[in-house]
Amino acid sequence: MLALYIHRDSPIHRTPVRVKLAALFAVGVGIALLKLVWALAALVAAIFGLYALARLPARAILTALKPVLFVAAIIFGLQWALVGPLAAVLALLRILCLVLLASLVTFTTPLSAMIDAIAAMAAPLSRFGLSPAKLGLVIALTLRFIPVLMNDYREIEAARRARGARYPGLGAAGPLLIKTLRMTDALGDAIAARGFENRP
C-alpha cells in the first residue's frame, strides 16, 4: 500500500508537495466545469506528458487506471443509456483526468512528505483542537487506501468468478471487510510502533 512512490530525478518529483496538491485541487475544480470533449481529451494527453516528464514507466499508467476501470465502465454505460454518448464521454474523460493526476501526485511524492505538507497546511486548525499531523496522515493514507481496496475487490471478484459466480454481488463484501480489517490492524500497529499517536 505504501509502495506507490516511484523514485526518479525529475522536475515533477522536485516540485514542492504543496504546489502539487494545490494543482490537483485546482484541476479537479476545472475538470468539473469543463464541458468540451476536446479540452478534456487535451488535458488527458497533457497528463500523459507529465508522466513522461516524471520519467515514470508506462506500467504506472496501467497501475493508476486498473483499479477504477470497472467502475468507469459502469459509469460510462449508465451515462450513455440515461443521458447520451456526449455525457458518457465527458464523464469518462473526467474520471481519467482525476485518477491519472491524483496517481501522478502519489507516484512522485513520498508518503512522509505528503503527510508533512498536509499537516503544515492544516496547522491553523490546531487552535480548534485538531491535530494537523494526524489529519495529514489520514488524508495521505486515504489516497493510498482507495486503489488498494479497489484492487482487493477485483481480486476477490476474480476468485468468485473462478468458483462459478456469474455476477458481482454482496458475496465480495465479507472477504473485502476481513482483508481491510487485517490491513488496518497491521497499519495501526506500525503507526503505534513509530510513536505517531503521541504527535500533536
N, C-alpha and C. Protein backbone atom coordinates (compact mmCIF):
# COMPACT_ATOMS: atom_id res chain seq x y z
N MET A 1 0.82 -1.20 0.00
CA MET A 1 0.00 0.00 0.00
C MET A 1 0.86 1.26 0.00
N LEU A 2 1.97 1.24 0.74
CA LEU A 2 2.79 2.43 0.85
C LEU A 2 3.89 2.46 -0.18
N ALA A 3 3.88 1.55 -1.15
CA ALA A 3 4.97 1.47 -2.11
C ALA A 3 4.61 2.12 -3.44
N LEU A 4 3.61 3.00 -3.47
CA LEU A 4 3.22 3.63 -4.71
C LEU A 4 4.26 4.63 -5.20
N TYR A 5 5.04 5.20 -4.28
CA TYR A 5 6.03 6.18 -4.67
C TYR A 5 7.11 5.53 -5.54
N ILE A 6 7.41 6.16 -6.67
CA ILE A 6 8.44 5.68 -7.59
C ILE A 6 9.54 6.74 -7.65
N HIS A 7 10.70 6.42 -7.15
CA HIS A 7 11.77 7.41 -7.07
C HIS A 7 12.37 7.68 -8.46
N ARG A 8 12.42 8.93 -8.80
CA ARG A 8 13.07 9.39 -10.03
C ARG A 8 13.64 10.79 -9.77
N ASP A 9 14.60 11.18 -10.59
CA ASP A 9 15.13 12.54 -10.52
C ASP A 9 14.48 13.32 -11.67
N SER A 10 13.36 13.94 -11.38
CA SER A 10 12.61 14.66 -12.41
C SER A 10 12.05 15.95 -11.86
N PRO A 11 11.69 16.89 -12.73
CA PRO A 11 11.09 18.15 -12.26
C PRO A 11 9.80 17.94 -11.47
N ILE A 12 9.02 16.92 -11.83
CA ILE A 12 7.77 16.65 -11.11
C ILE A 12 8.07 16.19 -9.69
N HIS A 13 9.08 15.34 -9.54
CA HIS A 13 9.44 14.87 -8.20
C HIS A 13 9.97 16.03 -7.34
N ARG A 14 10.66 16.98 -7.97
CA ARG A 14 11.25 18.08 -7.21
C ARG A 14 10.25 19.20 -6.93
N THR A 15 9.09 19.16 -7.56
CA THR A 15 8.07 20.18 -7.31
C THR A 15 7.58 20.08 -5.87
N PRO A 16 7.49 21.19 -5.15
CA PRO A 16 7.01 21.14 -3.76
C PRO A 16 5.65 20.47 -3.65
N VAL A 17 5.47 19.72 -2.57
CA VAL A 17 4.24 18.96 -2.39
C VAL A 17 3.02 19.88 -2.37
N ARG A 18 3.17 21.04 -1.72
CA ARG A 18 2.04 21.97 -1.65
C ARG A 18 1.59 22.40 -3.04
N VAL A 19 2.55 22.62 -3.91
CA VAL A 19 2.21 23.04 -5.28
C VAL A 19 1.45 21.92 -5.99
N LYS A 20 1.91 20.69 -5.81
CA LYS A 20 1.23 19.56 -6.46
C LYS A 20 -0.18 19.37 -5.93
N LEU A 21 -0.34 19.48 -4.62
CA LEU A 21 -1.68 19.32 -4.05
C LEU A 21 -2.60 20.46 -4.46
N ALA A 22 -2.07 21.69 -4.52
CA ALA A 22 -2.88 22.83 -4.95
C ALA A 22 -3.27 22.68 -6.42
N ALA A 23 -2.34 22.18 -7.24
CA ALA A 23 -2.64 21.97 -8.65
C ALA A 23 -3.69 20.88 -8.82
N LEU A 24 -3.59 19.84 -8.01
CA LEU A 24 -4.57 18.76 -8.07
C LEU A 24 -5.97 19.29 -7.73
N PHE A 25 -6.05 20.12 -6.71
CA PHE A 25 -7.34 20.70 -6.32
C PHE A 25 -7.88 21.62 -7.42
N ALA A 26 -7.01 22.47 -7.95
CA ALA A 26 -7.44 23.43 -8.97
C ALA A 26 -7.91 22.72 -10.24
N VAL A 27 -7.14 21.72 -10.67
CA VAL A 27 -7.52 20.98 -11.87
C VAL A 27 -8.81 20.20 -11.63
N GLY A 28 -8.98 19.66 -10.42
CA GLY A 28 -10.21 18.95 -10.10
C GLY A 28 -11.43 19.83 -10.24
N VAL A 29 -11.30 21.08 -9.76
CA VAL A 29 -12.41 22.03 -9.91
C VAL A 29 -12.63 22.37 -11.37
N GLY A 30 -11.52 22.58 -12.10
CA GLY A 30 -11.64 22.92 -13.51
C GLY A 30 -12.26 21.81 -14.34
N ILE A 31 -11.92 20.57 -14.01
CA ILE A 31 -12.47 19.43 -14.74
C ILE A 31 -13.99 19.38 -14.59
N ALA A 32 -14.46 19.69 -13.40
CA ALA A 32 -15.92 19.66 -13.16
C ALA A 32 -16.63 20.71 -14.00
N LEU A 33 -15.93 21.79 -14.33
CA LEU A 33 -16.56 22.88 -15.08
C LEU A 33 -16.42 22.71 -16.59
N LEU A 34 -15.41 21.96 -17.02
CA LEU A 34 -15.18 21.78 -18.45
C LEU A 34 -16.29 20.93 -19.08
N LYS A 35 -16.79 21.37 -20.21
CA LYS A 35 -17.85 20.63 -20.89
C LYS A 35 -17.51 20.39 -22.36
N LEU A 36 -16.23 20.57 -22.71
CA LEU A 36 -15.78 20.36 -24.08
C LEU A 36 -14.95 19.08 -24.14
N VAL A 37 -15.36 18.16 -25.01
CA VAL A 37 -14.66 16.88 -25.12
C VAL A 37 -13.22 17.10 -25.52
N TRP A 38 -12.99 17.98 -26.51
CA TRP A 38 -11.62 18.17 -26.99
C TRP A 38 -10.72 18.75 -25.90
N ALA A 39 -11.27 19.61 -25.03
CA ALA A 39 -10.47 20.19 -23.95
C ALA A 39 -10.08 19.13 -22.93
N LEU A 40 -11.02 18.27 -22.57
CA LEU A 40 -10.72 17.20 -21.62
C LEU A 40 -9.75 16.19 -22.22
N ALA A 41 -9.93 15.89 -23.51
CA ALA A 41 -9.01 14.96 -24.19
C ALA A 41 -7.61 15.55 -24.22
N ALA A 42 -7.51 16.86 -24.48
CA ALA A 42 -6.20 17.51 -24.48
C ALA A 42 -5.58 17.47 -23.09
N LEU A 43 -6.40 17.60 -22.06
CA LEU A 43 -5.90 17.54 -20.69
C LEU A 43 -5.37 16.15 -20.36
N VAL A 44 -6.08 15.12 -20.80
CA VAL A 44 -5.59 13.75 -20.61
C VAL A 44 -4.24 13.57 -21.29
N ALA A 45 -4.11 14.08 -22.53
CA ALA A 45 -2.84 13.99 -23.25
C ALA A 45 -1.73 14.74 -22.51
N ALA A 46 -2.08 15.91 -21.94
CA ALA A 46 -1.09 16.68 -21.19
C ALA A 46 -0.64 15.92 -19.94
N ILE A 47 -1.57 15.23 -19.30
CA ILE A 47 -1.20 14.45 -18.10
C ILE A 47 -0.28 13.30 -18.49
N PHE A 48 -0.54 12.67 -19.64
CA PHE A 48 0.39 11.65 -20.13
C PHE A 48 1.78 12.25 -20.31
N GLY A 49 1.82 13.49 -20.81
CA GLY A 49 3.10 14.17 -20.97
C GLY A 49 3.81 14.38 -19.65
N LEU A 50 3.03 14.68 -18.59
CA LEU A 50 3.61 14.84 -17.26
C LEU A 50 4.19 13.52 -16.75
N TYR A 51 3.53 12.42 -17.07
CA TYR A 51 4.07 11.10 -16.70
C TYR A 51 5.43 10.89 -17.38
N ALA A 52 5.51 11.29 -18.65
CA ALA A 52 6.78 11.16 -19.36
C ALA A 52 7.83 12.08 -18.76
N LEU A 53 7.42 13.32 -18.41
CA LEU A 53 8.36 14.26 -17.80
C LEU A 53 8.86 13.75 -16.46
N ALA A 54 7.99 13.05 -15.74
CA ALA A 54 8.38 12.48 -14.44
C ALA A 54 9.20 11.20 -14.60
N ARG A 55 9.38 10.76 -15.83
CA ARG A 55 10.16 9.56 -16.14
C ARG A 55 9.58 8.32 -15.46
N LEU A 56 8.26 8.27 -15.42
CA LEU A 56 7.58 7.12 -14.85
C LEU A 56 7.40 6.05 -15.92
N PRO A 57 7.49 4.79 -15.55
CA PRO A 57 7.32 3.72 -16.54
C PRO A 57 5.88 3.67 -17.05
N ALA A 58 5.71 3.10 -18.24
CA ALA A 58 4.38 3.02 -18.84
C ALA A 58 3.42 2.23 -17.95
N ARG A 59 3.96 1.26 -17.22
CA ARG A 59 3.09 0.45 -16.35
C ARG A 59 2.47 1.29 -15.24
N ALA A 60 3.04 2.47 -14.95
CA ALA A 60 2.47 3.32 -13.90
C ALA A 60 1.08 3.78 -14.29
N ILE A 61 0.87 4.05 -15.59
CA ILE A 61 -0.45 4.47 -16.05
C ILE A 61 -1.45 3.34 -15.87
N LEU A 62 -1.03 2.13 -16.23
CA LEU A 62 -1.91 0.97 -16.06
C LEU A 62 -2.20 0.74 -14.58
N THR A 63 -1.18 0.90 -13.75
CA THR A 63 -1.36 0.74 -12.31
C THR A 63 -2.38 1.74 -11.77
N ALA A 64 -2.34 2.97 -12.31
CA ALA A 64 -3.26 4.00 -11.85
C ALA A 64 -4.69 3.71 -12.29
N LEU A 65 -4.86 3.23 -13.53
CA LEU A 65 -6.19 3.07 -14.09
C LEU A 65 -6.83 1.72 -13.77
N LYS A 66 -6.03 0.71 -13.56
CA LYS A 66 -6.56 -0.64 -13.42
C LYS A 66 -7.63 -0.77 -12.34
N PRO A 67 -7.42 -0.18 -11.14
CA PRO A 67 -8.43 -0.37 -10.09
C PRO A 67 -9.77 0.28 -10.40
N VAL A 68 -9.81 1.30 -11.28
CA VAL A 68 -11.06 2.03 -11.49
C VAL A 68 -11.70 1.74 -12.84
N LEU A 69 -11.11 0.87 -13.64
CA LEU A 69 -11.65 0.60 -14.97
C LEU A 69 -13.06 0.04 -14.90
N PHE A 70 -13.29 -0.86 -13.94
CA PHE A 70 -14.61 -1.47 -13.82
C PHE A 70 -15.67 -0.42 -13.47
N VAL A 71 -15.35 0.42 -12.49
CA VAL A 71 -16.29 1.47 -12.08
C VAL A 71 -16.49 2.47 -13.21
N ALA A 72 -15.40 2.84 -13.90
CA ALA A 72 -15.50 3.78 -15.00
C ALA A 72 -16.38 3.23 -16.12
N ALA A 73 -16.27 1.94 -16.38
CA ALA A 73 -17.09 1.31 -17.43
C ALA A 73 -18.56 1.36 -17.06
N ILE A 74 -18.88 1.13 -15.78
CA ILE A 74 -20.27 1.19 -15.33
C ILE A 74 -20.83 2.60 -15.48
N ILE A 75 -20.04 3.58 -15.03
CA ILE A 75 -20.48 4.98 -15.13
C ILE A 75 -20.67 5.37 -16.59
N PHE A 76 -19.74 4.95 -17.44
CA PHE A 76 -19.84 5.26 -18.87
C PHE A 76 -21.12 4.67 -19.46
N GLY A 77 -21.39 3.41 -19.13
CA GLY A 77 -22.60 2.77 -19.66
C GLY A 77 -23.88 3.42 -19.17
N LEU A 78 -23.92 3.77 -17.89
CA LEU A 78 -25.11 4.42 -17.33
C LEU A 78 -25.33 5.80 -17.94
N GLN A 79 -24.25 6.55 -18.08
CA GLN A 79 -24.37 7.88 -18.68
C GLN A 79 -24.83 7.79 -20.13
N TRP A 80 -24.32 6.82 -20.86
CA TRP A 80 -24.72 6.63 -22.25
C TRP A 80 -26.21 6.30 -22.35
N ALA A 81 -26.66 5.42 -21.46
CA ALA A 81 -28.06 4.99 -21.52
C ALA A 81 -29.02 6.07 -21.04
N LEU A 82 -28.61 6.82 -20.01
CA LEU A 82 -29.54 7.77 -19.41
C LEU A 82 -29.47 9.17 -20.01
N VAL A 83 -28.28 9.59 -20.42
CA VAL A 83 -28.11 10.97 -20.87
C VAL A 83 -27.69 11.06 -22.33
N GLY A 84 -26.83 10.13 -22.75
CA GLY A 84 -26.40 10.16 -24.14
C GLY A 84 -24.90 9.97 -24.26
N PRO A 85 -24.40 9.78 -25.48
CA PRO A 85 -22.97 9.50 -25.68
C PRO A 85 -22.06 10.64 -25.27
N LEU A 86 -22.48 11.90 -25.51
CA LEU A 86 -21.62 13.03 -25.16
C LEU A 86 -21.36 13.08 -23.66
N ALA A 87 -22.41 12.93 -22.87
CA ALA A 87 -22.25 12.94 -21.41
C ALA A 87 -21.41 11.77 -20.94
N ALA A 88 -21.55 10.62 -21.61
CA ALA A 88 -20.77 9.44 -21.23
C ALA A 88 -19.29 9.66 -21.48
N VAL A 89 -18.96 10.24 -22.62
CA VAL A 89 -17.55 10.51 -22.95
C VAL A 89 -16.98 11.54 -21.99
N LEU A 90 -17.75 12.58 -21.69
CA LEU A 90 -17.29 13.60 -20.76
C LEU A 90 -17.01 13.00 -19.38
N ALA A 91 -17.92 12.16 -18.91
CA ALA A 91 -17.74 11.52 -17.60
C ALA A 91 -16.50 10.65 -17.58
N LEU A 92 -16.29 9.89 -18.65
CA LEU A 92 -15.13 9.01 -18.72
C LEU A 92 -13.83 9.82 -18.72
N LEU A 93 -13.79 10.90 -19.50
CA LEU A 93 -12.59 11.72 -19.57
C LEU A 93 -12.31 12.39 -18.23
N ARG A 94 -13.36 12.82 -17.53
CA ARG A 94 -13.16 13.43 -16.22
C ARG A 94 -12.56 12.43 -15.23
N ILE A 95 -13.07 11.19 -15.26
CA ILE A 95 -12.54 10.16 -14.37
C ILE A 95 -11.07 9.90 -14.69
N LEU A 96 -10.75 9.79 -15.98
CA LEU A 96 -9.36 9.54 -16.38
C LEU A 96 -8.45 10.66 -15.89
N CYS A 97 -8.88 11.90 -16.08
CA CYS A 97 -8.07 13.04 -15.66
C CYS A 97 -7.81 13.00 -14.15
N LEU A 98 -8.85 12.83 -13.38
CA LEU A 98 -8.71 12.87 -11.93
C LEU A 98 -7.86 11.73 -11.41
N VAL A 99 -8.12 10.53 -11.91
CA VAL A 99 -7.38 9.36 -11.42
C VAL A 99 -5.90 9.46 -11.82
N LEU A 100 -5.64 9.82 -13.06
CA LEU A 100 -4.25 9.91 -13.52
C LEU A 100 -3.50 11.01 -12.79
N LEU A 101 -4.14 12.14 -12.57
CA LEU A 101 -3.46 13.25 -11.90
C LEU A 101 -3.22 12.94 -10.43
N ALA A 102 -4.23 12.38 -9.75
CA ALA A 102 -4.04 12.01 -8.34
C ALA A 102 -2.95 10.95 -8.20
N SER A 103 -2.93 10.01 -9.13
CA SER A 103 -1.90 8.97 -9.09
C SER A 103 -0.52 9.55 -9.36
N LEU A 104 -0.46 10.55 -10.25
CA LEU A 104 0.82 11.20 -10.52
C LEU A 104 1.39 11.82 -9.25
N VAL A 105 0.53 12.42 -8.45
CA VAL A 105 0.97 13.02 -7.19
C VAL A 105 1.51 11.95 -6.25
N THR A 106 0.81 10.84 -6.13
CA THR A 106 1.27 9.78 -5.22
C THR A 106 2.51 9.07 -5.75
N PHE A 107 2.62 8.95 -7.07
CA PHE A 107 3.82 8.31 -7.65
C PHE A 107 5.07 9.15 -7.43
N THR A 108 4.92 10.47 -7.35
CA THR A 108 6.07 11.37 -7.30
C THR A 108 6.27 12.01 -5.93
N THR A 109 5.49 11.59 -4.93
CA THR A 109 5.58 12.20 -3.60
C THR A 109 5.71 11.12 -2.54
N PRO A 110 6.78 11.12 -1.76
CA PRO A 110 6.87 10.17 -0.64
C PRO A 110 5.75 10.41 0.36
N LEU A 111 5.31 9.35 1.00
CA LEU A 111 4.22 9.47 1.96
C LEU A 111 4.56 10.45 3.07
N SER A 112 5.80 10.40 3.57
CA SER A 112 6.19 11.29 4.66
C SER A 112 6.11 12.75 4.24
N ALA A 113 6.51 13.05 3.01
CA ALA A 113 6.45 14.42 2.52
C ALA A 113 5.01 14.89 2.37
N MET A 114 4.14 13.99 1.94
CA MET A 114 2.73 14.35 1.79
C MET A 114 2.10 14.63 3.15
N ILE A 115 2.42 13.79 4.15
CA ILE A 115 1.88 14.00 5.49
C ILE A 115 2.35 15.34 6.04
N ASP A 116 3.65 15.64 5.87
CA ASP A 116 4.18 16.90 6.39
C ASP A 116 3.54 18.10 5.71
N ALA A 117 3.33 18.01 4.40
CA ALA A 117 2.74 19.14 3.66
C ALA A 117 1.30 19.39 4.09
N ILE A 118 0.53 18.31 4.20
CA ILE A 118 -0.87 18.46 4.61
C ILE A 118 -0.94 18.97 6.05
N ALA A 119 -0.06 18.47 6.90
CA ALA A 119 -0.04 18.91 8.29
C ALA A 119 0.31 20.40 8.38
N ALA A 120 1.24 20.86 7.55
CA ALA A 120 1.62 22.27 7.56
C ALA A 120 0.46 23.15 7.10
N MET A 121 -0.26 22.70 6.07
CA MET A 121 -1.39 23.48 5.58
C MET A 121 -2.55 23.50 6.58
N ALA A 122 -2.63 22.43 7.38
CA ALA A 122 -3.72 22.33 8.36
C ALA A 122 -3.34 22.89 9.72
N ALA A 123 -2.15 23.49 9.83
CA ALA A 123 -1.68 24.00 11.12
C ALA A 123 -2.67 24.96 11.78
N PRO A 124 -3.33 25.87 11.03
CA PRO A 124 -4.28 26.78 11.68
C PRO A 124 -5.42 26.07 12.41
N LEU A 125 -5.69 24.82 12.00
CA LEU A 125 -6.81 24.10 12.62
C LEU A 125 -6.47 23.61 14.03
N SER A 126 -5.19 23.68 14.40
CA SER A 126 -4.79 23.20 15.72
C SER A 126 -5.44 24.02 16.84
N ARG A 127 -5.78 25.27 16.56
CA ARG A 127 -6.41 26.10 17.58
C ARG A 127 -7.82 25.61 17.93
N PHE A 128 -8.36 24.74 17.05
CA PHE A 128 -9.68 24.16 17.31
C PHE A 128 -9.57 22.75 17.88
N GLY A 129 -8.36 22.35 18.26
CA GLY A 129 -8.16 21.05 18.87
C GLY A 129 -7.90 19.92 17.89
N LEU A 130 -7.75 20.24 16.60
CA LEU A 130 -7.49 19.21 15.59
C LEU A 130 -6.00 19.05 15.40
N SER A 131 -5.53 17.81 15.36
CA SER A 131 -4.11 17.53 15.18
C SER A 131 -3.75 17.60 13.70
N PRO A 132 -2.95 18.58 13.27
CA PRO A 132 -2.56 18.66 11.85
C PRO A 132 -1.80 17.42 11.38
N ALA A 133 -0.93 16.88 12.24
CA ALA A 133 -0.14 15.71 11.85
C ALA A 133 -1.04 14.51 11.59
N LYS A 134 -2.02 14.32 12.47
CA LYS A 134 -2.92 13.18 12.30
C LYS A 134 -3.85 13.38 11.11
N LEU A 135 -4.26 14.63 10.87
CA LEU A 135 -5.07 14.91 9.69
C LEU A 135 -4.29 14.61 8.42
N GLY A 136 -3.02 15.00 8.40
CA GLY A 136 -2.18 14.71 7.25
C GLY A 136 -2.04 13.21 7.02
N LEU A 137 -1.89 12.47 8.12
CA LEU A 137 -1.79 11.01 7.99
C LEU A 137 -3.06 10.42 7.43
N VAL A 138 -4.21 10.88 7.92
CA VAL A 138 -5.50 10.35 7.45
C VAL A 138 -5.69 10.60 5.97
N ILE A 139 -5.44 11.83 5.52
CA ILE A 139 -5.64 12.17 4.12
C ILE A 139 -4.66 11.42 3.23
N ALA A 140 -3.40 11.37 3.65
CA ALA A 140 -2.40 10.68 2.84
C ALA A 140 -2.71 9.19 2.72
N LEU A 141 -3.12 8.57 3.83
CA LEU A 141 -3.44 7.15 3.79
C LEU A 141 -4.70 6.88 2.98
N THR A 142 -5.64 7.83 3.00
CA THR A 142 -6.84 7.66 2.19
C THR A 142 -6.48 7.59 0.71
N LEU A 143 -5.54 8.46 0.29
CA LEU A 143 -5.11 8.43 -1.11
C LEU A 143 -4.48 7.08 -1.46
N ARG A 144 -3.82 6.46 -0.45
CA ARG A 144 -3.18 5.17 -0.69
C ARG A 144 -4.20 4.03 -0.64
N PHE A 145 -5.19 4.16 0.27
CA PHE A 145 -6.10 3.05 0.51
C PHE A 145 -7.05 2.81 -0.66
N ILE A 146 -7.50 3.88 -1.31
CA ILE A 146 -8.53 3.73 -2.35
C ILE A 146 -8.11 2.75 -3.44
N PRO A 147 -6.95 2.95 -4.09
CA PRO A 147 -6.57 1.98 -5.13
C PRO A 147 -6.32 0.58 -4.59
N VAL A 148 -5.83 0.50 -3.35
CA VAL A 148 -5.58 -0.83 -2.77
C VAL A 148 -6.88 -1.58 -2.56
N LEU A 149 -7.90 -0.90 -2.02
CA LEU A 149 -9.18 -1.54 -1.79
C LEU A 149 -9.85 -1.93 -3.11
N MET A 150 -9.73 -1.07 -4.12
CA MET A 150 -10.28 -1.41 -5.43
C MET A 150 -9.60 -2.64 -6.01
N ASN A 151 -8.29 -2.72 -5.85
CA ASN A 151 -7.56 -3.88 -6.36
C ASN A 151 -7.95 -5.15 -5.59
N ASP A 152 -8.11 -5.04 -4.26
CA ASP A 152 -8.54 -6.19 -3.47
C ASP A 152 -9.92 -6.67 -3.92
N TYR A 153 -10.81 -5.70 -4.18
CA TYR A 153 -12.16 -6.07 -4.64
C TYR A 153 -12.10 -6.83 -5.96
N ARG A 154 -11.26 -6.36 -6.87
CA ARG A 154 -11.13 -7.04 -8.17
C ARG A 154 -10.60 -8.45 -7.98
N GLU A 155 -9.62 -8.63 -7.10
CA GLU A 155 -9.07 -9.96 -6.86
C GLU A 155 -10.12 -10.89 -6.27
N ILE A 156 -10.92 -10.37 -5.34
CA ILE A 156 -11.96 -11.19 -4.72
C ILE A 156 -13.01 -11.58 -5.76
N GLU A 157 -13.42 -10.62 -6.59
CA GLU A 157 -14.40 -10.91 -7.63
C GLU A 157 -13.86 -11.93 -8.63
N ALA A 158 -12.57 -11.84 -8.96
CA ALA A 158 -11.97 -12.81 -9.87
C ALA A 158 -12.00 -14.21 -9.25
N ALA A 159 -11.72 -14.29 -7.95
CA ALA A 159 -11.78 -15.57 -7.26
C ALA A 159 -13.20 -16.12 -7.23
N ARG A 160 -14.19 -15.23 -7.03
CA ARG A 160 -15.59 -15.66 -7.02
C ARG A 160 -16.01 -16.19 -8.39
N ARG A 161 -15.59 -15.49 -9.43
CA ARG A 161 -15.94 -15.96 -10.78
C ARG A 161 -15.29 -17.30 -11.09
N ALA A 162 -14.07 -17.49 -10.57
CA ALA A 162 -13.39 -18.77 -10.79
C ALA A 162 -14.14 -19.91 -10.09
N ARG A 163 -14.91 -19.57 -9.05
CA ARG A 163 -15.68 -20.57 -8.32
C ARG A 163 -17.12 -20.68 -8.82
N GLY A 164 -17.43 -19.98 -9.90
CA GLY A 164 -18.74 -20.14 -10.51
C GLY A 164 -19.68 -18.96 -10.39
N ALA A 165 -19.31 -17.90 -9.67
CA ALA A 165 -20.18 -16.73 -9.56
C ALA A 165 -20.21 -16.01 -10.91
N ARG A 166 -21.40 -15.66 -11.37
CA ARG A 166 -21.54 -15.04 -12.68
C ARG A 166 -21.56 -13.52 -12.63
N TYR A 167 -22.06 -12.95 -11.54
CA TYR A 167 -22.21 -11.51 -11.48
C TYR A 167 -21.62 -10.98 -10.18
N PRO A 168 -21.14 -9.71 -10.21
CA PRO A 168 -20.67 -9.10 -8.97
C PRO A 168 -21.81 -9.02 -7.96
N GLY A 169 -21.50 -9.20 -6.69
CA GLY A 169 -22.56 -9.17 -5.69
C GLY A 169 -22.02 -8.94 -4.31
N LEU A 170 -22.90 -9.10 -3.33
CA LEU A 170 -22.52 -8.85 -1.95
C LEU A 170 -21.59 -9.93 -1.41
N GLY A 171 -21.41 -11.00 -2.17
CA GLY A 171 -20.53 -12.06 -1.71
C GLY A 171 -19.10 -11.60 -1.51
N ALA A 172 -18.73 -10.51 -2.18
CA ALA A 172 -17.36 -10.00 -2.03
C ALA A 172 -17.21 -9.12 -0.79
N ALA A 173 -18.33 -8.69 -0.20
CA ALA A 173 -18.27 -7.75 0.91
C ALA A 173 -17.57 -8.34 2.13
N GLY A 174 -17.89 -9.59 2.47
CA GLY A 174 -17.29 -10.22 3.64
C GLY A 174 -15.78 -10.35 3.54
N PRO A 175 -15.27 -11.02 2.48
CA PRO A 175 -13.81 -11.13 2.34
C PRO A 175 -13.11 -9.78 2.27
N LEU A 176 -13.74 -8.80 1.59
CA LEU A 176 -13.12 -7.48 1.49
C LEU A 176 -13.05 -6.81 2.86
N LEU A 177 -14.10 -6.96 3.66
CA LEU A 177 -14.10 -6.39 5.00
C LEU A 177 -13.01 -7.01 5.86
N ILE A 178 -12.87 -8.34 5.76
CA ILE A 178 -11.84 -9.04 6.55
C ILE A 178 -10.44 -8.57 6.16
N LYS A 179 -10.19 -8.48 4.83
CA LYS A 179 -8.88 -8.02 4.38
C LYS A 179 -8.62 -6.59 4.84
N THR A 180 -9.65 -5.76 4.79
CA THR A 180 -9.49 -4.36 5.20
C THR A 180 -9.17 -4.26 6.68
N LEU A 181 -9.88 -5.05 7.51
CA LEU A 181 -9.64 -5.02 8.94
C LEU A 181 -8.23 -5.50 9.28
N ARG A 182 -7.79 -6.55 8.59
CA ARG A 182 -6.43 -7.06 8.82
C ARG A 182 -5.39 -6.01 8.45
N MET A 183 -5.60 -5.35 7.30
CA MET A 183 -4.67 -4.32 6.85
C MET A 183 -4.68 -3.14 7.82
N THR A 184 -5.88 -2.80 8.32
CA THR A 184 -5.99 -1.69 9.27
C THR A 184 -5.27 -2.01 10.57
N ASP A 185 -5.41 -3.25 11.05
CA ASP A 185 -4.72 -3.65 12.28
C ASP A 185 -3.21 -3.56 12.11
N ALA A 186 -2.72 -4.07 10.96
CA ALA A 186 -1.28 -4.03 10.71
C ALA A 186 -0.78 -2.60 10.61
N LEU A 187 -1.57 -1.76 9.95
CA LEU A 187 -1.19 -0.36 9.82
C LEU A 187 -1.21 0.35 11.18
N GLY A 188 -2.23 0.05 11.99
CA GLY A 188 -2.30 0.65 13.32
C GLY A 188 -1.12 0.26 14.18
N ASP A 189 -0.70 -1.02 14.10
CA ASP A 189 0.46 -1.47 14.86
C ASP A 189 1.72 -0.74 14.40
N ALA A 190 1.85 -0.55 13.08
CA ALA A 190 3.03 0.14 12.55
C ALA A 190 3.07 1.60 13.01
N ILE A 191 1.90 2.24 13.01
CA ILE A 191 1.83 3.64 13.45
C ILE A 191 2.16 3.76 14.93
N ALA A 192 1.61 2.86 15.72
CA ALA A 192 1.87 2.89 17.16
C ALA A 192 3.34 2.63 17.46
N ALA A 193 3.96 1.71 16.69
CA ALA A 193 5.36 1.38 16.91
C ALA A 193 6.28 2.56 16.63
N ARG A 194 5.83 3.45 15.76
CA ARG A 194 6.63 4.63 15.43
C ARG A 194 6.29 5.84 16.30
N GLY A 195 5.41 5.66 17.26
CA GLY A 195 5.08 6.72 18.19
C GLY A 195 4.27 7.85 17.60
N PHE A 196 3.59 7.59 16.49
CA PHE A 196 2.85 8.66 15.82
C PHE A 196 1.67 9.12 16.65
N GLU A 197 1.12 8.24 17.47
CA GLU A 197 -0.06 8.60 18.25
C GLU A 197 0.22 9.72 19.24
N ASN A 198 1.49 9.90 19.60
CA ASN A 198 1.84 10.92 20.58
C ASN A 198 2.17 12.26 19.95
N ARG A 199 2.12 12.32 18.62
CA ARG A 199 2.45 13.59 17.96
C ARG A 199 1.25 14.56 18.11
N PRO A 200 1.54 15.86 18.24
CA PRO A 200 0.46 16.83 18.40
C PRO A 200 -0.31 17.02 17.10
